[in-house]
Amino acid sequence: MVVLNKIYTRTGDAGETALGNGDRVAKHALRVNAYGTSDELNATVGVARLYAVHEMNEQLALIQNDLFDLGADMCRPDMDQDATAEFPPLRMIATQVDRLEAEIDAMNAGLSPLRSFILPGGNALAAHLHICRTVARRAERLAVELATIEAVNPVAIKYLNRLSDWFFVAARVANDNGAADVLWVPGANR
């Protein structure tokens, strides 16, 4: 249980922050940038939810919770810590990726195959889902870069990869199941 009685602590005033294991690092550290971008993504999902209804809104709510799990995972560099420790690290697990894949398959089943790339846009929900997609890709790139120098849960990277796919397909669903997609016309303005 998290208890936040005091919002500011002044401990970051010198440009450092604490990781989940208590280590202090620069606020511009790659790990902080990676999980900070997943937090930014969570905020963009919150905006998209303003336009989503019913099942998609519920799915986005699950994604928001997953993104907090992802942040908790990414802020703990101690990948080999014993899961029986007093405060074991929360890690992303395969079933979270599996859920995204099942939802992608269900959404994609009703869509026509693409014959062109899609320009981000359409209605408000689709446009916001495309923003979510691009922020998810940035979070993934940062996590992959981090994994070249520090331990990162590979399931977290897989989740981000699948999540950007989820946003792409969801944007098509939001655009009248693809009928209102804005298609790229190569060289149209030459």
N, C-alpha and C. Protein backbone atom coordinates (compact mmCIF):
# COMPACT_ATOMS: atom_id res chain seq x y z
N MET A 1 0.84 -1.18 0.00
CA MET A 1 0.00 0.00 0.00
C MET A 1 0.89 1.24 0.00
N VAL A 2 0.59 2.14 -0.89
CA VAL A 2 1.33 3.39 -0.99
C VAL A 2 0.60 4.46 -0.20
N VAL A 3 1.33 5.20 0.61
CA VAL A 3 0.76 6.31 1.36
C VAL A 3 1.56 7.55 1.01
N LEU A 4 0.89 8.54 0.46
CA LEU A 4 1.55 9.80 0.08
C LEU A 4 0.95 10.93 0.89
N ASN A 5 1.56 11.21 2.01
CA ASN A 5 1.09 12.30 2.85
C ASN A 5 1.68 13.64 2.43
N LYS A 6 2.91 13.60 1.95
CA LYS A 6 3.59 14.81 1.56
C LYS A 6 4.03 14.67 0.11
N ILE A 7 3.64 15.60 -0.72
CA ILE A 7 3.90 15.49 -2.15
C ILE A 7 5.31 15.94 -2.50
N TYR A 8 5.79 16.96 -1.88
CA TYR A 8 7.16 17.38 -2.19
C TYR A 8 8.08 16.98 -1.04
N THR A 9 9.29 16.55 -1.43
CA THR A 9 10.25 16.07 -0.42
C THR A 9 11.55 16.86 -0.46
N ARG A 10 11.77 17.59 -1.52
CA ARG A 10 13.01 18.36 -1.76
C ARG A 10 14.22 17.47 -2.04
N THR A 11 14.03 16.14 -2.05
CA THR A 11 15.18 15.26 -2.25
C THR A 11 15.67 15.27 -3.69
N GLY A 12 14.87 15.78 -4.61
CA GLY A 12 15.28 15.83 -6.01
C GLY A 12 15.74 17.19 -6.46
N ASP A 13 15.88 18.12 -5.54
CA ASP A 13 16.24 19.49 -5.91
C ASP A 13 17.62 19.61 -6.54
N ALA A 14 18.48 18.65 -6.30
CA ALA A 14 19.84 18.71 -6.86
C ALA A 14 19.94 17.89 -8.15
N GLY A 15 18.80 17.48 -8.71
CA GLY A 15 18.82 16.77 -9.98
C GLY A 15 18.95 15.27 -9.88
N GLU A 16 18.71 14.71 -8.69
CA GLU A 16 18.74 13.26 -8.53
C GLU A 16 17.37 12.77 -8.07
N THR A 17 17.15 11.48 -8.28
CA THR A 17 15.92 10.84 -7.84
C THR A 17 16.25 9.44 -7.33
N ALA A 18 15.33 8.87 -6.61
CA ALA A 18 15.54 7.51 -6.08
C ALA A 18 14.85 6.48 -6.98
N LEU A 19 15.56 5.40 -7.25
CA LEU A 19 14.96 4.27 -7.93
C LEU A 19 14.15 3.46 -6.92
N GLY A 20 13.44 2.47 -7.39
CA GLY A 20 12.61 1.65 -6.52
C GLY A 20 13.38 0.87 -5.48
N ASN A 21 14.67 0.65 -5.71
CA ASN A 21 15.49 -0.07 -4.74
C ASN A 21 16.23 0.87 -3.80
N GLY A 22 15.99 2.17 -3.93
CA GLY A 22 16.62 3.16 -3.05
C GLY A 22 17.86 3.81 -3.61
N ASP A 23 18.44 3.26 -4.68
CA ASP A 23 19.61 3.88 -5.29
C ASP A 23 19.26 5.27 -5.81
N ARG A 24 20.19 6.20 -5.66
CA ARG A 24 19.99 7.56 -6.17
C ARG A 24 20.71 7.69 -7.51
N VAL A 25 20.02 8.24 -8.48
CA VAL A 25 20.58 8.44 -9.81
C VAL A 25 20.17 9.81 -10.33
N ALA A 26 20.88 10.27 -11.37
CA ALA A 26 20.53 11.53 -12.01
C ALA A 26 19.14 11.43 -12.64
N LYS A 27 18.39 12.52 -12.58
CA LYS A 27 17.06 12.50 -13.17
C LYS A 27 17.09 12.31 -14.68
N HIS A 28 18.24 12.56 -15.30
CA HIS A 28 18.35 12.34 -16.74
C HIS A 28 18.91 10.95 -17.08
N ALA A 29 19.05 10.09 -16.09
CA ALA A 29 19.53 8.72 -16.33
C ALA A 29 18.60 8.00 -17.30
N LEU A 30 19.17 7.13 -18.11
CA LEU A 30 18.39 6.42 -19.11
C LEU A 30 17.25 5.63 -18.49
N ARG A 31 17.47 4.99 -17.35
CA ARG A 31 16.41 4.23 -16.69
C ARG A 31 15.25 5.15 -16.29
N VAL A 32 15.57 6.31 -15.75
CA VAL A 32 14.53 7.27 -15.35
C VAL A 32 13.79 7.76 -16.59
N ASN A 33 14.52 8.02 -17.66
CA ASN A 33 13.90 8.45 -18.90
C ASN A 33 12.96 7.37 -19.44
N ALA A 34 13.36 6.12 -19.34
CA ALA A 34 12.54 5.02 -19.85
C ALA A 34 11.24 4.89 -19.05
N TYR A 35 11.33 4.85 -17.73
CA TYR A 35 10.07 4.69 -16.99
C TYR A 35 9.29 6.00 -16.92
N GLY A 36 9.98 7.13 -17.05
CA GLY A 36 9.28 8.41 -17.13
C GLY A 36 8.45 8.52 -18.40
N THR A 37 8.96 7.94 -19.48
CA THR A 37 8.21 7.96 -20.73
C THR A 37 6.99 7.05 -20.64
N SER A 38 7.09 5.96 -19.89
CA SER A 38 5.90 5.12 -19.70
C SER A 38 4.85 5.87 -18.88
N ASP A 39 5.29 6.74 -17.98
CA ASP A 39 4.36 7.59 -17.22
C ASP A 39 3.71 8.61 -18.16
N GLU A 40 4.51 9.20 -19.06
CA GLU A 40 3.96 10.11 -20.06
C GLU A 40 2.92 9.39 -20.92
N LEU A 41 3.23 8.16 -21.31
CA LEU A 41 2.29 7.36 -22.08
C LEU A 41 1.00 7.16 -21.31
N ASN A 42 1.11 6.89 -20.02
CA ASN A 42 -0.08 6.70 -19.20
C ASN A 42 -0.96 7.95 -19.22
N ALA A 43 -0.33 9.12 -19.19
CA ALA A 43 -1.10 10.36 -19.24
C ALA A 43 -1.79 10.53 -20.59
N THR A 44 -1.13 10.13 -21.68
CA THR A 44 -1.77 10.24 -23.00
C THR A 44 -2.94 9.25 -23.11
N VAL A 45 -2.81 8.10 -22.47
CA VAL A 45 -3.92 7.15 -22.45
C VAL A 45 -5.10 7.76 -21.68
N GLY A 46 -4.80 8.47 -20.61
CA GLY A 46 -5.86 9.14 -19.85
C GLY A 46 -6.63 10.13 -20.70
N VAL A 47 -5.94 10.84 -21.57
CA VAL A 47 -6.62 11.78 -22.47
C VAL A 47 -7.45 11.00 -23.50
N ALA A 48 -6.90 9.94 -24.05
CA ALA A 48 -7.66 9.13 -25.01
C ALA A 48 -8.94 8.60 -24.39
N ARG A 49 -8.89 8.26 -23.12
CA ARG A 49 -10.08 7.71 -22.45
C ARG A 49 -11.23 8.72 -22.40
N LEU A 50 -10.93 10.01 -22.54
CA LEU A 50 -12.00 11.01 -22.56
C LEU A 50 -12.93 10.78 -23.75
N TYR A 51 -12.43 10.13 -24.79
CA TYR A 51 -13.19 9.92 -26.02
C TYR A 51 -13.65 8.48 -26.19
N ALA A 52 -13.16 7.58 -25.36
CA ALA A 52 -13.48 6.15 -25.50
C ALA A 52 -14.74 5.81 -24.71
N VAL A 53 -15.44 4.83 -25.22
CA VAL A 53 -16.65 4.36 -24.52
C VAL A 53 -16.59 2.84 -24.37
N HIS A 54 -17.38 2.37 -23.47
CA HIS A 54 -17.64 0.94 -23.26
C HIS A 54 -16.36 0.10 -23.21
N GLU A 55 -16.29 -0.91 -24.08
CA GLU A 55 -15.21 -1.88 -24.00
C GLU A 55 -13.83 -1.25 -24.18
N MET A 56 -13.69 -0.31 -25.12
CA MET A 56 -12.38 0.28 -25.33
C MET A 56 -11.95 1.09 -24.11
N ASN A 57 -12.87 1.78 -23.48
CA ASN A 57 -12.54 2.52 -22.26
C ASN A 57 -12.07 1.56 -21.17
N GLU A 58 -12.73 0.42 -21.04
CA GLU A 58 -12.33 -0.58 -20.05
C GLU A 58 -10.95 -1.15 -20.37
N GLN A 59 -10.69 -1.40 -21.65
CA GLN A 59 -9.39 -1.91 -22.05
C GLN A 59 -8.29 -0.88 -21.77
N LEU A 60 -8.58 0.39 -22.05
CA LEU A 60 -7.61 1.45 -21.78
C LEU A 60 -7.35 1.58 -20.28
N ALA A 61 -8.36 1.36 -19.46
CA ALA A 61 -8.17 1.39 -18.01
C ALA A 61 -7.21 0.28 -17.57
N LEU A 62 -7.35 -0.90 -18.15
CA LEU A 62 -6.42 -2.00 -17.85
C LEU A 62 -5.00 -1.63 -18.28
N ILE A 63 -4.88 -1.01 -19.43
CA ILE A 63 -3.57 -0.59 -19.93
C ILE A 63 -2.94 0.43 -18.98
N GLN A 64 -3.74 1.36 -18.49
CA GLN A 64 -3.20 2.35 -17.55
C GLN A 64 -2.64 1.66 -16.31
N ASN A 65 -3.34 0.68 -15.80
CA ASN A 65 -2.85 -0.05 -14.64
C ASN A 65 -1.57 -0.81 -14.98
N ASP A 66 -1.56 -1.44 -16.17
CA ASP A 66 -0.35 -2.13 -16.63
C ASP A 66 0.83 -1.16 -16.71
N LEU A 67 0.58 0.05 -17.17
CA LEU A 67 1.68 1.02 -17.31
C LEU A 67 2.25 1.41 -15.95
N PHE A 68 1.43 1.42 -14.90
CA PHE A 68 1.99 1.64 -13.56
C PHE A 68 2.83 0.44 -13.15
N ASP A 69 2.36 -0.78 -13.49
CA ASP A 69 3.18 -1.98 -13.25
C ASP A 69 4.50 -1.87 -13.99
N LEU A 70 4.44 -1.41 -15.23
CA LEU A 70 5.65 -1.27 -16.04
C LEU A 70 6.62 -0.28 -15.40
N GLY A 71 6.10 0.84 -14.93
CA GLY A 71 6.95 1.82 -14.25
C GLY A 71 7.58 1.25 -13.00
N ALA A 72 6.81 0.47 -12.24
CA ALA A 72 7.35 -0.18 -11.04
C ALA A 72 8.44 -1.17 -11.41
N ASP A 73 8.24 -1.89 -12.50
CA ASP A 73 9.23 -2.84 -12.99
C ASP A 73 10.50 -2.11 -13.42
N MET A 74 10.33 -1.09 -14.25
CA MET A 74 11.49 -0.39 -14.81
C MET A 74 12.29 0.38 -13.76
N CYS A 75 11.65 0.80 -12.68
CA CYS A 75 12.39 1.58 -11.67
C CYS A 75 13.18 0.69 -10.71
N ARG A 76 13.11 -0.63 -10.91
CA ARG A 76 13.86 -1.57 -10.07
C ARG A 76 14.92 -2.26 -10.91
N PRO A 77 16.17 -1.81 -10.84
CA PRO A 77 17.22 -2.43 -11.65
C PRO A 77 17.69 -3.79 -11.13
N ASP A 78 17.29 -4.15 -9.94
CA ASP A 78 17.76 -5.38 -9.30
C ASP A 78 16.98 -6.60 -9.81
N MET A 79 17.28 -7.00 -11.05
CA MET A 79 16.54 -8.09 -11.70
C MET A 79 16.69 -9.43 -10.99
N ASP A 80 17.79 -9.63 -10.28
CA ASP A 80 18.03 -10.93 -9.65
C ASP A 80 17.55 -10.99 -8.21
N GLN A 81 16.82 -9.98 -7.75
CA GLN A 81 16.37 -9.98 -6.36
C GLN A 81 15.38 -11.12 -6.12
N ASP A 82 15.50 -11.73 -4.99
CA ASP A 82 14.65 -12.85 -4.59
C ASP A 82 13.19 -12.39 -4.49
N ALA A 83 12.31 -13.11 -5.14
CA ALA A 83 10.89 -12.79 -5.11
C ALA A 83 10.28 -12.98 -3.73
N THR A 84 11.01 -13.63 -2.82
CA THR A 84 10.49 -13.83 -1.46
C THR A 84 10.96 -12.72 -0.52
N ALA A 85 11.67 -11.72 -1.06
CA ALA A 85 12.15 -10.61 -0.23
C ALA A 85 10.97 -9.87 0.39
N GLU A 86 11.25 -9.08 1.40
CA GLU A 86 10.18 -8.33 2.08
C GLU A 86 9.40 -7.46 1.09
N PHE A 87 10.10 -6.81 0.18
CA PHE A 87 9.46 -6.00 -0.86
C PHE A 87 9.95 -6.47 -2.23
N PRO A 88 9.44 -7.60 -2.72
CA PRO A 88 9.90 -8.10 -4.01
C PRO A 88 9.50 -7.14 -5.12
N PRO A 89 10.34 -7.03 -6.14
CA PRO A 89 10.01 -6.13 -7.24
C PRO A 89 8.79 -6.63 -8.01
N LEU A 90 7.96 -5.69 -8.43
CA LEU A 90 6.81 -6.03 -9.27
C LEU A 90 7.31 -6.11 -10.70
N ARG A 91 7.09 -7.21 -11.36
CA ARG A 91 7.57 -7.41 -12.72
C ARG A 91 6.40 -7.64 -13.67
N MET A 92 6.55 -7.16 -14.89
CA MET A 92 5.60 -7.46 -15.95
C MET A 92 5.67 -8.96 -16.22
N ILE A 93 4.53 -9.56 -16.54
CA ILE A 93 4.51 -11.00 -16.80
C ILE A 93 3.84 -11.27 -18.15
N ALA A 94 4.08 -12.47 -18.65
CA ALA A 94 3.64 -12.84 -19.99
C ALA A 94 2.13 -12.73 -20.19
N THR A 95 1.34 -12.95 -19.15
CA THR A 95 -0.12 -12.89 -19.33
C THR A 95 -0.59 -11.48 -19.68
N GLN A 96 0.18 -10.47 -19.29
CA GLN A 96 -0.18 -9.09 -19.66
C GLN A 96 0.01 -8.90 -21.17
N VAL A 97 1.07 -9.46 -21.71
CA VAL A 97 1.30 -9.42 -23.16
C VAL A 97 0.24 -10.26 -23.87
N ASP A 98 -0.05 -11.43 -23.33
CA ASP A 98 -1.05 -12.32 -23.93
C ASP A 98 -2.41 -11.62 -24.04
N ARG A 99 -2.79 -10.88 -23.01
CA ARG A 99 -4.07 -10.16 -23.04
C ARG A 99 -4.09 -9.17 -24.19
N LEU A 100 -2.99 -8.41 -24.35
CA LEU A 100 -2.93 -7.45 -25.46
C LEU A 100 -3.07 -8.16 -26.80
N GLU A 101 -2.38 -9.28 -26.96
CA GLU A 101 -2.43 -10.01 -28.23
C GLU A 101 -3.85 -10.50 -28.52
N ALA A 102 -4.54 -10.99 -27.50
CA ALA A 102 -5.91 -11.45 -27.69
C ALA A 102 -6.82 -10.29 -28.07
N GLU A 103 -6.63 -9.14 -27.45
CA GLU A 103 -7.45 -7.96 -27.78
C GLU A 103 -7.14 -7.47 -29.19
N ILE A 104 -5.86 -7.47 -29.57
CA ILE A 104 -5.48 -7.07 -30.93
C ILE A 104 -6.16 -7.99 -31.94
N ASP A 105 -6.07 -9.29 -31.72
CA ASP A 105 -6.68 -10.25 -32.64
C ASP A 105 -8.18 -10.04 -32.75
N ALA A 106 -8.85 -9.79 -31.63
CA ALA A 106 -10.30 -9.57 -31.64
C ALA A 106 -10.65 -8.30 -32.40
N MET A 107 -9.90 -7.21 -32.15
CA MET A 107 -10.19 -5.95 -32.86
C MET A 107 -9.88 -6.08 -34.35
N ASN A 108 -8.77 -6.73 -34.67
CA ASN A 108 -8.31 -6.82 -36.05
C ASN A 108 -9.21 -7.70 -36.92
N ALA A 109 -9.94 -8.61 -36.28
CA ALA A 109 -10.79 -9.55 -37.02
C ALA A 109 -11.84 -8.84 -37.86
N GLY A 110 -12.31 -7.68 -37.40
CA GLY A 110 -13.35 -6.96 -38.13
C GLY A 110 -12.83 -5.89 -39.08
N LEU A 111 -11.51 -5.82 -39.25
CA LEU A 111 -10.92 -4.78 -40.09
C LEU A 111 -10.53 -5.32 -41.45
N SER A 112 -10.68 -4.50 -42.48
CA SER A 112 -10.19 -4.86 -43.81
C SER A 112 -8.67 -4.74 -43.83
N PRO A 113 -8.01 -5.56 -44.65
CA PRO A 113 -6.55 -5.44 -44.75
C PRO A 113 -6.16 -4.07 -45.27
N LEU A 114 -5.02 -3.60 -44.83
CA LEU A 114 -4.53 -2.29 -45.28
C LEU A 114 -3.89 -2.40 -46.65
N ARG A 115 -4.12 -1.40 -47.47
CA ARG A 115 -3.49 -1.32 -48.79
C ARG A 115 -2.61 -0.08 -48.89
N SER A 116 -2.51 0.66 -47.78
CA SER A 116 -1.70 1.88 -47.72
C SER A 116 -1.34 2.12 -46.27
N PHE A 117 -0.32 2.93 -46.04
CA PHE A 117 -0.03 3.37 -44.68
C PHE A 117 -1.12 4.35 -44.26
N ILE A 118 -1.30 4.46 -42.95
CA ILE A 118 -2.33 5.34 -42.40
C ILE A 118 -1.67 6.58 -41.83
N LEU A 119 -2.24 7.73 -42.13
CA LEU A 119 -1.80 8.97 -41.50
C LEU A 119 -2.49 9.08 -40.14
N PRO A 120 -1.76 9.50 -39.11
CA PRO A 120 -2.41 9.64 -37.80
C PRO A 120 -3.54 10.66 -37.87
N GLY A 121 -4.70 10.26 -37.46
CA GLY A 121 -5.83 11.18 -37.47
C GLY A 121 -7.13 10.44 -37.57
N GLY A 122 -8.09 11.10 -38.16
CA GLY A 122 -9.45 10.58 -38.20
C GLY A 122 -10.26 11.31 -37.16
N ASN A 123 -10.96 10.57 -36.32
CA ASN A 123 -11.71 11.24 -35.25
C ASN A 123 -10.82 11.49 -34.04
N ALA A 124 -11.37 12.14 -33.03
CA ALA A 124 -10.57 12.54 -31.86
C ALA A 124 -9.96 11.33 -31.14
N LEU A 125 -10.74 10.28 -30.95
CA LEU A 125 -10.21 9.10 -30.26
C LEU A 125 -9.07 8.48 -31.05
N ALA A 126 -9.25 8.30 -32.35
CA ALA A 126 -8.21 7.71 -33.18
C ALA A 126 -6.94 8.55 -33.14
N ALA A 127 -7.09 9.87 -33.23
CA ALA A 127 -5.92 10.76 -33.21
C ALA A 127 -5.16 10.61 -31.88
N HIS A 128 -5.89 10.54 -30.78
CA HIS A 128 -5.23 10.37 -29.48
C HIS A 128 -4.59 8.99 -29.35
N LEU A 129 -5.21 7.98 -29.91
CA LEU A 129 -4.62 6.64 -29.87
C LEU A 129 -3.33 6.59 -30.70
N HIS A 130 -3.27 7.36 -31.78
CA HIS A 130 -2.03 7.44 -32.56
C HIS A 130 -0.93 8.14 -31.75
N ILE A 131 -1.29 9.13 -30.96
CA ILE A 131 -0.30 9.76 -30.08
C ILE A 131 0.19 8.73 -29.06
N CYS A 132 -0.74 7.97 -28.50
CA CYS A 132 -0.35 6.90 -27.57
C CYS A 132 0.61 5.92 -28.24
N ARG A 133 0.33 5.57 -29.49
CA ARG A 133 1.18 4.63 -30.23
C ARG A 133 2.60 5.16 -30.36
N THR A 134 2.73 6.44 -30.70
CA THR A 134 4.08 6.98 -30.91
C THR A 134 4.83 7.14 -29.59
N VAL A 135 4.14 7.47 -28.52
CA VAL A 135 4.79 7.57 -27.21
C VAL A 135 5.19 6.16 -26.74
N ALA A 136 4.35 5.17 -27.02
CA ALA A 136 4.70 3.78 -26.68
C ALA A 136 5.95 3.35 -27.43
N ARG A 137 6.07 3.72 -28.69
CA ARG A 137 7.26 3.37 -29.45
C ARG A 137 8.51 4.04 -28.86
N ARG A 138 8.38 5.29 -28.43
CA ARG A 138 9.52 5.97 -27.81
C ARG A 138 9.90 5.29 -26.51
N ALA A 139 8.90 4.93 -25.69
CA ALA A 139 9.18 4.22 -24.44
C ALA A 139 9.88 2.90 -24.73
N GLU A 140 9.45 2.21 -25.78
CA GLU A 140 10.08 0.95 -26.16
C GLU A 140 11.54 1.18 -26.58
N ARG A 141 11.78 2.20 -27.41
CA ARG A 141 13.16 2.47 -27.85
C ARG A 141 14.07 2.75 -26.66
N LEU A 142 13.57 3.51 -25.68
CA LEU A 142 14.37 3.81 -24.50
C LEU A 142 14.63 2.55 -23.68
N ALA A 143 13.62 1.70 -23.54
CA ALA A 143 13.80 0.46 -22.78
C ALA A 143 14.79 -0.46 -23.48
N VAL A 144 14.73 -0.53 -24.80
CA VAL A 144 15.67 -1.36 -25.56
C VAL A 144 17.09 -0.80 -25.43
N GLU A 145 17.22 0.51 -25.50
CA GLU A 145 18.53 1.13 -25.31
C GLU A 145 19.07 0.84 -23.91
N LEU A 146 18.22 0.97 -22.90
CA LEU A 146 18.62 0.68 -21.53
C LEU A 146 19.10 -0.77 -21.40
N ALA A 147 18.42 -1.67 -22.08
CA ALA A 147 18.76 -3.09 -21.98
C ALA A 147 20.14 -3.41 -22.56
N THR A 148 20.70 -2.49 -23.34
CA THR A 148 22.05 -2.72 -23.86
C THR A 148 23.12 -2.45 -22.81
N ILE A 149 22.75 -1.75 -21.72
CA ILE A 149 23.75 -1.42 -20.70
C ILE A 149 23.37 -1.87 -19.29
N GLU A 150 22.09 -2.15 -19.07
CA GLU A 150 21.62 -2.58 -17.74
C GLU A 150 20.57 -3.67 -17.92
N ALA A 151 20.33 -4.41 -16.86
CA ALA A 151 19.30 -5.45 -16.89
C ALA A 151 17.91 -4.84 -16.97
N VAL A 152 17.11 -5.35 -17.88
CA VAL A 152 15.72 -4.93 -18.05
C VAL A 152 14.89 -6.19 -18.26
N ASN A 153 13.74 -6.23 -17.65
CA ASN A 153 12.83 -7.36 -17.81
C ASN A 153 12.43 -7.45 -19.29
N PRO A 154 12.76 -8.53 -19.99
CA PRO A 154 12.41 -8.63 -21.41
C PRO A 154 10.91 -8.60 -21.66
N VAL A 155 10.12 -9.01 -20.68
CA VAL A 155 8.66 -8.96 -20.85
C VAL A 155 8.18 -7.51 -20.90
N ALA A 156 8.85 -6.61 -20.19
CA ALA A 156 8.48 -5.20 -20.24
C ALA A 156 8.67 -4.64 -21.65
N ILE A 157 9.77 -5.02 -22.29
CA ILE A 157 10.03 -4.57 -23.65
C ILE A 157 9.00 -5.17 -24.61
N LYS A 158 8.72 -6.44 -24.45
CA LYS A 158 7.73 -7.11 -25.29
C LYS A 158 6.36 -6.45 -25.12
N TYR A 159 6.01 -6.11 -23.88
CA TYR A 159 4.73 -5.46 -23.61
C TYR A 159 4.64 -4.13 -24.37
N LEU A 160 5.69 -3.31 -24.30
CA LEU A 160 5.68 -2.03 -25.00
C LEU A 160 5.56 -2.21 -26.51
N ASN A 161 6.25 -3.20 -27.04
CA ASN A 161 6.17 -3.48 -28.47
C ASN A 161 4.74 -3.84 -28.87
N ARG A 162 4.14 -4.73 -28.11
CA ARG A 162 2.77 -5.15 -28.41
C ARG A 162 1.78 -4.01 -28.17
N LEU A 163 2.05 -3.19 -27.17
CA LEU A 163 1.13 -2.10 -26.84
C LEU A 163 1.02 -1.10 -27.99
N SER A 164 2.13 -0.78 -28.63
CA SER A 164 2.04 0.16 -29.76
C SER A 164 1.21 -0.45 -30.88
N ASP A 165 1.32 -1.76 -31.09
CA ASP A 165 0.46 -2.44 -32.07
C ASP A 165 -1.00 -2.34 -31.65
N TRP A 166 -1.26 -2.51 -30.36
CA TRP A 166 -2.63 -2.41 -29.84
C TRP A 166 -3.21 -1.03 -30.17
N PHE A 167 -2.43 0.02 -29.91
CA PHE A 167 -2.93 1.38 -30.18
C PHE A 167 -3.21 1.58 -31.67
N PHE A 168 -2.36 1.02 -32.53
CA PHE A 168 -2.57 1.15 -33.97
C PHE A 168 -3.90 0.53 -34.38
N VAL A 169 -4.12 -0.70 -33.95
CA VAL A 169 -5.35 -1.40 -34.31
C VAL A 169 -6.56 -0.72 -33.67
N ALA A 170 -6.42 -0.28 -32.43
CA ALA A 170 -7.52 0.40 -31.75
C ALA A 170 -7.88 1.70 -32.46
N ALA A 171 -6.88 2.41 -32.99
CA ALA A 171 -7.15 3.65 -33.74
C ALA A 171 -7.96 3.33 -35.00
N ARG A 172 -7.66 2.23 -35.65
CA ARG A 172 -8.44 1.83 -36.83
C ARG A 172 -9.88 1.50 -36.43
N VAL A 173 -10.05 0.80 -35.30
CA VAL A 173 -11.40 0.49 -34.82
C VAL A 173 -12.15 1.79 -34.52
N ALA A 174 -11.47 2.73 -33.87
CA ALA A 174 -12.09 4.02 -33.54
C ALA A 174 -12.48 4.80 -34.80
N ASN A 175 -11.76 4.59 -35.88
CA ASN A 175 -12.08 5.24 -37.15
C ASN A 175 -13.07 4.40 -37.96
N ASP A 176 -14.19 4.10 -37.33
CA ASP A 176 -15.27 3.37 -37.99
C ASP A 176 -14.76 2.07 -38.60
N ASN A 177 -14.03 1.31 -37.77
CA ASN A 177 -13.46 0.04 -38.20
C ASN A 177 -12.63 0.17 -39.47
N GLY A 178 -11.89 1.25 -39.56
CA GLY A 178 -11.00 1.48 -40.69
C GLY A 178 -11.60 2.25 -41.84
N ALA A 179 -12.93 2.38 -41.89
CA ALA A 179 -13.58 3.07 -43.00
C ALA A 179 -13.21 4.55 -43.04
N ALA A 180 -12.91 5.14 -41.88
CA ALA A 180 -12.56 6.56 -41.83
C ALA A 180 -11.06 6.78 -41.65
N ASP A 181 -10.24 5.74 -41.85
CA ASP A 181 -8.79 5.92 -41.77
C ASP A 181 -8.35 6.95 -42.81
N VAL A 182 -7.35 7.73 -42.45
CA VAL A 182 -6.77 8.70 -43.37
C VAL A 182 -5.57 8.02 -44.00
N LEU A 183 -5.64 7.76 -45.30
CA LEU A 183 -4.60 7.00 -45.98
C LEU A 183 -3.53 7.93 -46.55
N TRP A 184 -2.30 7.43 -46.50
CA TRP A 184 -1.17 8.13 -47.10
C TRP A 184 -1.23 7.94 -48.62
N VAL A 185 -1.07 9.03 -49.34
CA VAL A 185 -0.98 8.98 -50.79
C VAL A 185 0.43 9.42 -51.15
N PRO A 186 1.30 8.47 -51.49
CA PRO A 186 2.70 8.81 -51.77
C PRO A 186 2.82 9.85 -52.89
N GLY A 187 3.59 10.90 -52.62
CA GLY A 187 3.85 11.93 -53.61
C GLY A 187 2.66 12.77 -53.99
N ALA A 188 1.61 12.78 -53.19
CA ALA A 188 0.37 13.48 -53.56
C ALA A 188 0.56 14.99 -53.73
N ASN A 189 1.53 15.56 -53.10
CA ASN A 189 1.68 17.02 -53.12
C ASN A 189 2.86 17.49 -53.95
N ARG A 190 3.34 16.66 -54.84
CA ARG A 190 4.48 17.05 -55.68
C ARG A 190 4.06 18.06 -56.71
